[in-house]
Amino acid sequence: MSGKNSKLGGRAAGSEDDPASKMCDPCRDKFQTLTDVERPCDRADCTGTWTWTAKAQLEAFATGRKPQPHLCAADEAKLGALSDRQIPCSVEGCKRSWTLTRRAQLIAGAPDVEVTPAPAMCGPCANVYDKISDRPVTCGIRGCKRKWTWGRDEQIKDYAAGESNQPPRRLCDTCRGVFGAIADREVRCRTSGCKHTWTWPREAQLDAAIADKPLPKAPHRMCQRCIDLYSSMKDVERPCRRAGCKRTWTDKRGAQLARAVRGKTGDPYPHYCTECEKEMGELEERQVPCKTEHCPGTWTWTAAQQLAAGVRPVPKADLPGDEGGPVAAADDQAGAAAPGFPEEATPPAAVEAPAASAAPAPNGERKKRRRKRRHEIRPPERRCDDCLAFLTDRKTKEIPCTGCQTPIHWPPESQLQTHLGNWAEPTLCGACKRDLTEAARAVEREALRHGGHLSVSGSPAEAEGSHAETTNGATAPVTEEPASPAESAPSVDGRADLN
């Protein structure tokens, strides 16, 4: 031993023959007390033993660990026949696995029994599961401040599926009672005439929902078929429906789609252009007197009919009381009288009188106003609805003459005048009236010949009696007729002249 080792209290170098020579003093002292020990097998229900050597005991003493589980020699032989098994992770959606060792299988009873391991997580899932906890999350309905709990069992499933750590959209207990039954919904297409539907998903319905409010209403959308048709269409310019107008109106894609779903493939119903629509909006419907004489009814001259006839809206400057002055008022007075209406016609003198009494105007302005008056458009001559209804399916009527029974043809227009109370139905034909008139004239001539001594009858019936006595030598029956306009001025067709 060297002097240095002597001073430090060391000992001589270790020897291979003495294992304790290389140990520290506590280990050497412990080693001297240790001997091999027989311990029971760690497998349950096994009566065998295994040898725990002094060296293994010393290692456990040096490290401070308890004795490791060991198997007996027979179980070690069984263990050699087993192999490790890969068991899928118990977390739903996880594709990883954990290892069931052969020792664990042997302890569980293999190979004598079939070992069914308890559900367990793989290593990564187990590590994450230990770190997470339940989380309170805000309700998924707009405007709701309440929360729901996202458990860690559901969180670990999202982790195993590779999803983010963001919580899913869910409802609180209160909102679940109102909106919890919402599911995908079939909604009818918004296109008029289309019978197809489109799917309103549950997520979109929840987006439209508001806390403490009733269920949302479905939006107006088109089905996929209508969307495809609408995408393939474009706006088309079409000519204005008014004759002579060179402008166009726009046939929108929406209108084309509405016709397409109804199976209408032809041209659309003609429309007015924007300018004509504006002019027609400024025109007002006019009540025009019926063309039937002495009829108090009227018919409506619509704005569309006026526009088609070429009527233009009257500017404000031409209205009475504006800058047009008396001349403009005279134009309106002249335009109020339409040809074909004698009962309402205004004499030309009445029309020209205001213009003549007005202050002198420059020649150019006077010609311009006169030219406007000449080109004024008059309404057409038509009958009112009552007259048209009376004339519908009305045929010429045959009235037998009271004198000779000859049929008198009474046309529908004459029947209309009778219906209005203006005329009376005829009772004598034209020949009988002519004979009565000639008989009356013969009596008058006879009276003049005798110097007025004969009584002159003013009644055609009395003349008819005198004519019958003169010609036939016998008294003929005289037909008395009520006094009416039709007999005061007879004509060939039996109508009376009211004027």
Protein backbone atom coordinates (compact mmCIF):
# COMPACT_ATOMS: atom_id res chain seq x y z
CA MET A 1 0.00 0.00 0.00
CA SER A 2 1.44 3.35 -0.90
CA GLY A 3 1.85 6.13 1.57
CA LYS A 4 -0.90 8.25 0.02
CA ASN A 5 -3.49 5.50 0.32
CA SER A 6 -2.39 4.97 3.88
CA LYS A 7 -3.02 8.55 4.77
CA LEU A 8 -6.54 8.53 3.18
CA GLY A 9 -7.52 5.35 4.95
CA GLY A 10 -7.85 3.40 1.67
CA ARG A 11 -7.38 -0.20 1.11
CA ALA A 12 -5.49 -2.35 -1.36
CA ALA A 13 -6.60 -2.77 -4.99
CA GLY A 14 -9.55 -5.06 -5.67
CA SER A 15 -9.11 -8.65 -6.59
CA GLU A 16 -11.12 -10.75 -8.99
CA ASP A 17 -11.24 -13.51 -6.47
CA ASP A 18 -12.88 -11.32 -3.83
CA PRO A 19 -16.05 -9.51 -5.14
CA ALA A 20 -16.31 -7.45 -1.96
CA SER A 21 -12.89 -5.92 -2.55
CA LYS A 22 -14.37 -3.50 -5.10
CA MET A 23 -17.39 -2.46 -3.00
CA CYS A 24 -17.79 0.43 -0.69
CA ASP A 25 -17.92 -0.24 2.99
CA PRO A 26 -21.77 -0.22 3.33
CA CYS A 27 -22.19 -2.51 0.35
CA ARG A 28 -19.37 -4.80 1.53
CA ASP A 29 -20.90 -5.03 4.97
CA LYS A 30 -24.39 -5.72 3.49
CA PHE A 31 -22.98 -8.29 1.05
CA GLN A 32 -21.42 -10.26 3.87
CA THR A 33 -24.88 -10.69 5.43
CA LEU A 34 -26.77 -11.67 2.25
CA THR A 35 -27.56 -15.15 0.94
CA ASP A 36 -29.72 -16.49 -1.86
CA VAL A 37 -33.43 -16.42 -0.96
CA GLU A 38 -36.32 -18.45 -2.43
CA ARG A 39 -39.31 -16.19 -3.14
CA PRO A 40 -42.84 -17.22 -4.29
CA CYS A 41 -43.82 -16.88 -7.94
CA ASP A 42 -45.56 -13.61 -8.74
CA ARG A 43 -48.26 -15.28 -10.83
CA ALA A 44 -51.45 -15.71 -8.93
CA ASP A 45 -52.36 -19.23 -7.83
CA CYS A 46 -48.83 -20.45 -8.57
CA THR A 47 -47.06 -22.43 -5.85
CA GLY A 48 -43.59 -22.38 -7.43
CA THR A 49 -40.63 -20.27 -6.26
CA TRP A 50 -37.74 -18.43 -7.79
CA THR A 51 -34.28 -17.69 -6.44
CA TRP A 52 -33.42 -14.16 -5.41
CA THR A 53 -29.62 -14.15 -5.49
CA ALA A 54 -27.43 -12.21 -3.06
CA LYS A 55 -26.11 -10.12 -5.91
CA ALA A 56 -29.67 -9.13 -6.96
CA GLN A 57 -30.48 -8.32 -3.33
CA LEU A 58 -27.36 -6.12 -3.11
CA GLU A 59 -28.42 -4.22 -6.26
CA ALA A 60 -31.87 -3.64 -4.77
CA PHE A 61 -30.16 -2.40 -1.55
CA ALA A 62 -27.85 -0.07 -3.47
CA THR A 63 -30.69 1.42 -5.57
CA GLY A 64 -33.30 1.44 -2.82
CA ARG A 65 -35.83 -0.50 -4.89
CA LYS A 66 -38.14 -3.24 -3.87
CA PRO A 67 -37.77 -6.71 -5.25
CA GLN A 68 -38.91 -6.98 -8.87
CA PRO A 69 -41.67 -9.49 -9.71
CA HIS A 70 -40.34 -12.74 -11.00
CA LEU A 71 -41.76 -16.01 -12.14
CA CYS A 72 -40.90 -19.52 -11.25
CA ALA A 73 -39.03 -21.76 -13.66
CA ALA A 74 -42.26 -23.39 -14.93
CA ASP A 75 -43.87 -20.01 -15.64
CA GLU A 76 -40.73 -18.83 -17.34
CA ALA A 77 -41.10 -21.77 -19.71
CA LYS A 78 -44.70 -20.76 -20.42
CA LEU A 79 -43.62 -17.16 -20.91
CA GLY A 80 -41.27 -18.21 -23.64
CA ALA A 81 -44.18 -19.63 -25.62
CA LEU A 82 -46.13 -16.31 -25.47
CA SER A 83 -45.65 -13.10 -27.48
CA ASP A 84 -46.65 -9.46 -27.07
CA ARG A 85 -50.08 -8.38 -28.45
CA GLN A 86 -51.06 -5.01 -29.95
CA ILE A 87 -54.43 -3.84 -28.57
CA PRO A 88 -56.32 -0.94 -30.25
CA CYS A 89 -56.65 2.27 -28.25
CA SER A 90 -59.95 2.55 -26.40
CA VAL A 91 -60.50 6.15 -27.51
CA GLU A 92 -63.07 6.34 -30.32
CA GLY A 93 -61.47 7.43 -33.57
CA CYS A 94 -57.90 6.72 -32.49
CA LYS A 95 -55.97 4.45 -34.86
CA ARG A 96 -53.03 3.82 -32.52
CA SER A 97 -52.58 0.81 -30.19
CA TRP A 98 -50.93 -0.20 -26.94
CA THR A 99 -48.86 -3.35 -26.16
CA LEU A 100 -50.15 -6.16 -23.97
CA THR A 101 -46.88 -7.84 -22.90
CA ARG A 102 -46.50 -11.58 -22.63
CA ARG A 103 -45.76 -11.30 -18.90
CA ALA A 104 -49.08 -9.47 -18.43
CA GLN A 105 -50.77 -12.19 -20.42
CA LEU A 106 -49.16 -14.90 -18.30
CA ILE A 107 -50.18 -13.20 -15.08
CA ALA A 108 -53.75 -12.86 -16.46
CA GLY A 109 -53.90 -16.65 -16.95
CA ALA A 110 -52.48 -17.30 -20.39
CA PRO A 111 -51.97 -19.70 -22.04
CA ASP A 112 -54.50 -21.71 -20.03
CA VAL A 113 -57.31 -19.14 -20.60
CA GLU A 114 -58.05 -16.58 -23.32
CA VAL A 115 -57.02 -13.20 -21.98
CA THR A 116 -59.40 -10.26 -22.69
CA PRO A 117 -57.67 -7.05 -21.62
CA ALA A 118 -59.59 -4.15 -20.13
CA PRO A 119 -60.02 -1.06 -22.39
CA ALA A 120 -57.00 1.17 -22.20
CA MET A 121 -55.61 4.18 -24.03
CA CYS A 122 -52.53 4.31 -26.11
CA GLY A 123 -49.51 6.25 -24.81
CA PRO A 124 -50.24 9.62 -26.56
CA CYS A 125 -53.93 9.59 -25.64
CA ALA A 126 -53.16 8.70 -22.05
CA ASN A 127 -50.65 11.57 -21.78
CA VAL A 128 -53.13 14.12 -23.20
CA TYR A 129 -56.02 12.77 -21.14
CA ASP A 130 -54.08 13.39 -17.93
CA LYS A 131 -53.50 17.05 -18.88
CA ILE A 132 -57.01 18.12 -19.98
CA SER A 133 -60.16 18.89 -17.97
CA ASP A 134 -63.81 19.81 -18.56
CA ARG A 135 -64.29 23.23 -20.27
CA PRO A 136 -67.29 25.63 -20.12
CA VAL A 137 -68.16 26.82 -23.67
CA THR A 138 -70.49 29.63 -24.79
CA CYS A 139 -73.81 28.58 -26.41
CA GLY A 140 -73.80 28.41 -30.19
CA ILE A 141 -77.00 30.47 -30.69
CA ARG A 142 -76.52 34.11 -31.63
CA GLY A 143 -77.18 36.44 -28.73
CA CYS A 144 -77.12 33.72 -26.02
CA LYS A 145 -74.66 34.26 -23.12
CA ARG A 146 -75.25 30.92 -21.41
CA LYS A 147 -72.67 28.08 -21.45
CA TRP A 148 -72.46 24.32 -21.84
CA THR A 149 -69.77 21.90 -20.58
CA TRP A 150 -67.31 20.23 -22.95
CA GLY A 151 -66.12 17.12 -21.09
CA ARG A 152 -62.59 15.81 -21.39
CA ASP A 153 -63.87 12.46 -22.69
CA GLU A 154 -65.19 14.30 -25.75
CA GLN A 155 -62.03 16.36 -25.99
CA ILE A 156 -59.83 13.27 -26.15
CA LYS A 157 -61.99 11.93 -28.99
CA ASP A 158 -61.36 15.10 -31.01
CA TYR A 159 -57.64 14.79 -30.28
CA ALA A 160 -57.61 11.17 -31.42
CA ALA A 161 -59.44 12.12 -34.64
CA GLY A 162 -56.82 14.76 -35.42
CA GLU A 163 -59.16 17.71 -35.01
CA SER A 164 -58.27 21.08 -33.55
CA ASN A 165 -58.67 22.00 -29.94
CA GLN A 166 -61.58 24.33 -30.78
CA PRO A 167 -64.87 23.26 -29.16
CA PRO A 168 -67.80 22.25 -31.42
CA ARG A 169 -70.95 24.33 -31.81
CA ARG A 170 -73.53 23.22 -29.29
CA LEU A 171 -76.51 24.64 -27.46
CA CYS A 172 -77.10 25.36 -23.84
CA ASP A 173 -79.92 23.56 -22.04
CA THR A 174 -82.36 26.46 -22.58
CA CYS A 175 -81.71 26.83 -26.30
CA ARG A 176 -81.71 23.07 -26.79
CA GLY A 177 -85.34 23.00 -25.72
CA VAL A 178 -86.23 25.53 -28.46
CA PHE A 179 -83.82 24.72 -31.29
CA GLY A 180 -82.70 21.21 -30.40
CA ALA A 181 -85.17 19.53 -32.77
CA ILE A 182 -83.92 21.47 -35.81
CA ALA A 183 -82.83 19.21 -38.67
CA ASP A 184 -82.13 19.53 -42.37
CA ARG A 185 -85.26 20.91 -44.01
CA GLU A 186 -86.63 20.78 -47.56
CA VAL A 187 -87.85 24.22 -48.70
CA ARG A 188 -89.80 24.93 -51.89
CA CYS A 189 -87.99 26.77 -54.67
CA ARG A 190 -88.63 30.52 -54.80
CA THR A 191 -89.17 30.49 -58.58
CA SER A 192 -92.84 30.98 -59.38
CA GLY A 193 -94.30 27.79 -60.84
CA CYS A 194 -91.39 25.52 -59.79
CA LYS A 195 -92.34 22.46 -57.71
CA HIS A 196 -88.80 21.43 -56.73
CA THR A 197 -87.15 22.02 -53.35
CA TRP A 198 -83.74 22.89 -51.91
CA THR A 199 -82.18 21.69 -48.65
CA TRP A 200 -81.79 24.15 -45.78
CA PRO A 201 -79.09 22.54 -43.59
CA ARG A 202 -79.32 22.50 -39.82
CA GLU A 203 -76.17 24.58 -39.40
CA ALA A 204 -77.62 27.39 -41.54
CA GLN A 205 -80.84 27.31 -39.53
CA LEU A 206 -78.86 27.67 -36.30
CA ASP A 207 -76.99 30.61 -37.82
CA ALA A 208 -80.31 32.32 -38.49
CA ALA A 209 -81.69 31.55 -35.02
CA ILE A 210 -81.66 34.19 -32.26
CA ALA A 211 -81.74 33.49 -28.54
CA ASP A 212 -85.16 33.73 -26.86
CA LYS A 213 -86.87 34.03 -30.26
CA PRO A 214 -89.07 31.58 -32.21
CA LEU A 215 -87.77 29.35 -34.98
CA PRO A 216 -86.36 31.26 -37.98
CA LYS A 217 -88.17 31.48 -41.32
CA ALA A 218 -86.66 29.92 -44.40
CA PRO A 219 -84.99 32.32 -46.88
CA HIS A 220 -86.17 32.65 -50.48
CA ARG A 221 -83.81 30.63 -52.67
CA MET A 222 -83.88 28.67 -55.89
CA CYS A 223 -83.43 24.96 -56.30
CA GLN A 224 -80.36 23.64 -58.05
CA ARG A 225 -82.25 23.11 -61.32
CA CYS A 226 -83.41 26.72 -61.41
CA ILE A 227 -79.92 27.94 -60.49
CA ASP A 228 -78.47 26.08 -63.47
CA LEU A 229 -81.14 27.48 -65.80
CA TYR A 230 -80.70 31.00 -64.42
CA SER A 231 -76.93 30.82 -64.89
CA SER A 232 -77.33 29.89 -68.55
CA MET A 233 -79.68 32.82 -69.31
CA LYS A 234 -79.03 36.48 -69.93
CA ASP A 235 -81.11 39.64 -70.29
CA VAL A 236 -82.62 40.17 -73.77
CA GLU A 237 -83.69 43.46 -75.36
CA ARG A 238 -87.09 43.21 -77.06
CA PRO A 239 -89.03 45.78 -79.12
CA CYS A 240 -91.65 47.94 -77.48
CA ARG A 241 -95.23 46.72 -77.92
CA ARG A 242 -96.42 50.12 -79.05
CA ALA A 243 -96.69 50.36 -82.84
CA GLY A 244 -94.17 52.78 -84.32
CA CYS A 245 -91.94 52.93 -81.23
CA LYS A 246 -88.30 52.10 -81.99
CA ARG A 247 -87.19 51.66 -78.41
CA THR A 248 -86.84 48.37 -76.51
CA TRP A 249 -87.57 46.89 -73.10
CA THR A 250 -85.44 44.42 -71.16
CA ASP A 251 -86.61 40.84 -70.77
CA LYS A 252 -84.96 39.94 -67.45
CA ARG A 253 -83.49 36.55 -66.69
CA GLY A 254 -85.91 36.08 -63.82
CA ALA A 255 -88.91 36.45 -66.13
CA GLN A 256 -87.34 34.02 -68.62
CA LEU A 257 -86.82 31.50 -65.81
CA ALA A 258 -90.45 31.83 -64.67
CA ARG A 259 -91.62 31.03 -68.22
CA ALA A 260 -89.15 28.16 -68.59
CA VAL A 261 -90.33 26.32 -65.45
CA ARG A 262 -93.91 26.55 -66.77
CA GLY A 263 -92.89 25.06 -70.09
CA LYS A 264 -93.40 28.27 -72.09
CA THR A 265 -90.70 28.47 -74.71
CA GLY A 266 -92.12 31.14 -77.04
CA ASP A 267 -91.71 34.90 -76.99
CA PRO A 268 -93.02 36.66 -73.88
CA TYR A 269 -96.06 38.90 -73.74
CA PRO A 270 -95.04 42.25 -75.27
CA HIS A 271 -94.33 45.13 -72.91
CA TYR A 272 -93.84 48.87 -73.23
CA CYS A 273 -90.44 50.50 -73.11
CA THR A 274 -89.53 52.74 -70.19
CA GLU A 275 -90.55 55.95 -71.96
CA CYS A 276 -93.91 54.57 -73.07
CA GLU A 277 -94.55 53.22 -69.59
CA LYS A 278 -93.90 56.70 -68.22
CA GLU A 279 -96.22 58.32 -70.75
CA MET A 280 -98.96 55.78 -70.04
CA GLY A 281 -98.58 56.45 -66.33
CA GLU A 282 -99.20 60.14 -66.92
CA LEU A 283 -102.34 59.46 -68.96
CA GLU A 284 -105.67 59.07 -67.20
CA GLU A 285 -108.66 56.97 -68.17
CA ARG A 286 -111.40 58.95 -69.87
CA GLN A 287 -115.13 58.34 -69.86
CA VAL A 288 -116.35 58.83 -73.44
CA PRO A 289 -120.09 59.14 -74.30
CA CYS A 290 -121.69 56.16 -75.99
CA LYS A 291 -122.08 56.40 -79.78
CA THR A 292 -125.74 55.39 -79.54
CA GLU A 293 -127.96 58.43 -79.96
CA HIS A 294 -129.59 59.66 -76.77
CA CYS A 295 -127.83 56.99 -74.65
CA PRO A 296 -126.70 58.40 -71.26
CA GLY A 297 -124.02 55.73 -70.79
CA THR A 298 -120.26 56.02 -71.30
CA TRP A 299 -117.35 53.71 -72.07
CA THR A 300 -113.80 53.85 -70.67
CA TRP A 301 -110.97 54.93 -72.94
CA THR A 302 -108.03 53.38 -71.10
CA ALA A 303 -104.54 54.83 -70.89
CA ALA A 304 -103.15 51.95 -72.98
CA GLN A 305 -105.71 52.60 -75.73
CA GLN A 306 -104.95 56.31 -75.66
CA LEU A 307 -101.21 55.63 -75.93
CA ALA A 308 -101.77 53.25 -78.86
CA ALA A 309 -103.87 55.94 -80.58
CA GLY A 310 -101.01 58.43 -80.23
CA VAL A 311 -102.32 60.56 -77.35
CA ARG A 312 -99.58 62.38 -75.46
CA PRO A 313 -99.76 63.62 -71.88
CA VAL A 314 -100.70 67.30 -71.75
CA PRO A 315 -97.79 69.40 -70.44
CA LYS A 316 -98.56 71.57 -67.42
CA ALA A 317 -97.83 74.71 -69.44
CA ASP A 318 -100.75 73.89 -71.78
CA LEU A 319 -103.30 73.35 -69.03
CA PRO A 320 -105.92 76.09 -68.34
CA GLY A 321 -104.67 78.73 -65.94
CA ASP A 322 -101.01 78.21 -66.81
CA GLU A 323 -98.76 79.98 -69.26
CA GLY A 324 -100.99 78.90 -72.17
CA GLY A 325 -103.63 81.38 -71.02
CA PRO A 326 -106.96 81.65 -72.81
CA VAL A 327 -105.65 80.05 -75.99
CA ALA A 328 -104.74 76.84 -74.15
CA ALA A 329 -108.18 76.88 -72.52
CA ALA A 330 -109.74 77.20 -75.96
CA ASP A 331 -107.72 74.17 -77.12
CA ASP A 332 -109.10 72.13 -74.23
CA GLN A 333 -112.62 73.32 -75.00
CA ALA A 334 -112.20 72.31 -78.62
CA GLY A 335 -110.78 68.94 -77.63
CA ALA A 336 -113.76 68.24 -75.34
CA ALA A 337 -116.12 67.99 -78.34
CA ALA A 338 -115.53 64.82 -80.36
CA PRO A 339 -116.98 64.20 -83.83
CA GLY A 340 -119.88 61.80 -83.88
CA PHE A 341 -121.46 63.19 -80.71
CA PRO A 342 -123.98 65.84 -81.87
CA GLU A 343 -125.51 66.22 -78.43
CA GLU A 344 -122.17 67.36 -76.98
CA ALA A 345 -120.53 68.90 -79.99
CA THR A 346 -119.33 72.48 -79.64
CA PRO A 347 -120.04 74.84 -82.55
CA PRO A 348 -116.95 76.05 -84.37
CA ALA A 349 -117.85 79.60 -83.49
CA ALA A 350 -117.78 78.75 -79.81
CA VAL A 351 -114.33 77.28 -80.21
CA GLU A 352 -112.90 80.17 -82.17
CA ALA A 353 -114.48 82.85 -79.97
CA PRO A 354 -111.99 82.65 -77.06
CA ALA A 355 -109.08 82.65 -79.48
CA ALA A 356 -110.48 85.72 -81.26
CA SER A 357 -111.09 87.58 -78.00
CA ALA A 358 -107.60 86.80 -76.69
CA ALA A 359 -104.77 89.28 -76.93
CA PRO A 360 -102.92 89.29 -80.25
CA ALA A 361 -100.05 86.83 -80.33
CA PRO A 362 -97.07 86.61 -82.64
CA ASN A 363 -97.71 84.85 -85.93
CA GLY A 364 -95.35 82.01 -85.15
CA GLU A 365 -96.98 81.24 -81.79
CA ARG A 366 -100.48 81.48 -83.26
CA LYS A 367 -99.58 79.05 -86.05
CA LYS A 368 -98.01 76.67 -83.55
CA ARG A 369 -101.12 76.64 -81.39
CA ARG A 370 -103.38 76.29 -84.38
CA ARG A 371 -101.28 73.41 -85.61
CA LYS A 372 -101.58 71.64 -82.24
CA ARG A 373 -105.34 72.10 -82.36
CA ARG A 374 -105.52 70.50 -85.80
CA HIS A 375 -103.57 67.39 -84.73
CA GLU A 376 -105.58 66.67 -81.60
CA ILE A 377 -106.51 62.99 -81.41
CA ARG A 378 -110.17 62.19 -80.85
CA PRO A 379 -111.45 59.06 -79.13
CA PRO A 380 -113.04 56.41 -81.35
CA GLU A 381 -116.79 55.92 -81.54
CA ARG A 382 -117.94 53.01 -79.43
CA ARG A 383 -120.95 51.82 -77.51
CA CYS A 384 -121.20 51.55 -73.76
CA ASP A 385 -121.32 48.19 -72.00
CA ASP A 386 -125.10 48.34 -71.55
CA CYS A 387 -125.68 48.86 -75.26
CA LEU A 388 -123.24 46.11 -76.19
CA ALA A 389 -124.90 43.74 -73.74
CA PHE A 390 -128.33 44.54 -75.23
CA LEU A 391 -127.13 43.99 -78.81
CA THR A 392 -125.43 40.69 -77.97
CA ASP A 393 -127.27 37.81 -79.65
CA ARG A 394 -130.04 40.24 -80.65
CA LYS A 395 -131.57 39.54 -84.09
CA THR A 396 -133.81 41.48 -86.41
CA LYS A 397 -137.39 41.34 -85.20
CA GLU A 398 -140.42 40.89 -87.48
CA ILE A 399 -143.51 42.87 -86.40
CA PRO A 400 -146.78 42.15 -88.30
CA CYS A 401 -148.48 45.22 -89.73
CA THR A 402 -151.90 45.90 -88.13
CA GLY A 403 -153.34 46.85 -91.52
CA CYS A 404 -152.07 44.22 -93.98
CA GLN A 405 -150.15 41.82 -91.72
CA THR A 406 -147.00 42.43 -93.74
CA PRO A 407 -143.92 41.75 -91.54
CA ILE A 408 -142.03 44.88 -90.52
CA HIS A 409 -138.27 44.24 -90.05
CA TRP A 410 -137.11 45.91 -86.84
CA PRO A 411 -133.24 45.70 -86.64
CA PRO A 412 -131.31 45.42 -83.33
CA GLU A 413 -130.22 49.08 -83.46
CA SER A 414 -133.85 50.18 -83.68
CA GLN A 415 -134.74 47.81 -80.86
CA LEU A 416 -132.03 49.50 -78.79
CA GLN A 417 -133.67 52.89 -79.37
CA THR A 418 -136.99 51.37 -78.31
CA HIS A 419 -135.30 49.95 -75.19
CA LEU A 420 -133.92 53.40 -74.34
CA GLY A 421 -137.43 54.88 -74.69
CA ASN A 422 -136.56 57.10 -77.65
CA TRP A 423 -138.63 55.29 -80.31
CA ALA A 424 -141.84 53.28 -80.37
CA GLU A 425 -142.31 50.00 -82.18
CA PRO A 426 -144.11 50.49 -85.55
CA THR A 427 -147.63 49.15 -86.10
CA LEU A 428 -148.08 49.98 -89.80
CA CYS A 429 -145.89 49.04 -92.71
CA GLY A 430 -144.63 51.63 -95.16
CA ALA A 431 -147.30 50.83 -97.80
CA CYS A 432 -150.18 51.29 -95.35
CA LYS A 433 -148.73 54.56 -94.12
CA ARG A 434 -148.35 55.72 -97.71
CA ASP A 435 -152.01 54.87 -98.44
CA LEU A 436 -153.13 56.75 -95.35
CA THR A 437 -151.06 59.76 -96.30
CA GLU A 438 -152.46 59.82 -99.86
CA ALA A 439 -156.02 59.45 -98.51
CA ALA A 440 -155.50 62.39 -96.17
CA ARG A 441 -154.14 64.52 -99.02
CA ALA A 442 -157.14 63.55 -101.20
CA VAL A 443 -159.50 64.77 -98.47
CA GLU A 444 -157.57 68.01 -98.21
CA ARG A 445 -157.78 68.56 -101.97
CA GLU A 446 -161.55 67.86 -101.91
CA ALA A 447 -161.94 70.36 -99.13
CA LEU A 448 -160.07 72.99 -101.11
CA ARG A 449 -162.19 72.26 -104.17
CA HIS A 450 -165.48 72.91 -102.29
CA GLY A 451 -164.23 76.09 -100.76
CA GLY A 452 -163.65 74.75 -97.31
CA HIS A 453 -167.21 73.49 -96.74
CA LEU A 454 -165.93 69.94 -96.11
CA SER A 455 -164.45 69.06 -92.81
CA VAL A 456 -160.78 68.28 -93.21
CA SER A 457 -159.58 65.59 -90.88
CA GLY A 458 -156.08 65.83 -89.59
CA SER A 459 -155.99 62.17 -88.60
CA PRO A 460 -154.57 59.61 -91.04
CA ALA A 461 -157.13 57.14 -89.70
CA GLU A 462 -160.03 59.38 -90.80
CA ALA A 463 -158.31 59.88 -94.15
CA GLU A 464 -157.98 56.13 -94.44
CA GLY A 465 -161.77 55.81 -93.83
CA SER A 466 -162.61 58.44 -96.46
CA HIS A 467 -160.22 56.76 -98.89
CA ALA A 468 -161.85 53.39 -98.24
CA GLU A 469 -165.36 54.81 -98.85
CA THR A 470 -164.26 56.51 -102.04
CA THR A 471 -162.43 53.57 -103.54
CA ASN A 472 -164.42 50.60 -102.32
CA GLY A 473 -167.91 52.17 -102.01
CA ALA A 474 -168.18 50.71 -98.50
CA THR A 475 -167.04 51.72 -95.06
CA ALA A 476 -163.75 50.02 -94.10
CA PRO A 477 -162.67 49.51 -90.51
CA VAL A 478 -160.31 52.19 -89.29
CA THR A 479 -157.39 51.22 -87.09
CA GLU A 480 -156.78 53.77 -84.39
CA GLU A 481 -153.14 54.18 -83.36
CA PRO A 482 -151.73 55.97 -80.36
CA ALA A 483 -150.04 59.24 -81.02
CA SER A 484 -146.30 58.64 -81.14
CA PRO A 485 -143.25 60.07 -82.85
CA ALA A 486 -143.21 57.03 -85.13
CA GLU A 487 -146.59 58.05 -86.67
CA SER A 488 -145.98 61.78 -86.81
CA ALA A 489 -143.20 61.30 -89.35
CA PRO A 490 -143.42 57.83 -90.93
CA SER A 491 -140.67 56.39 -93.10
CA VAL A 492 -140.24 53.33 -95.23
CA ASP A 493 -138.50 51.21 -92.60
CA GLY A 494 -140.86 52.30 -89.84
CA ARG A 495 -138.40 54.54 -87.85
CA ALA A 496 -139.43 57.95 -86.67
CA ASP A 497 -137.48 61.13 -87.21
CA LEU A 498 -137.06 62.67 -83.80
CA ASN A 499 -135.69 65.91 -85.13
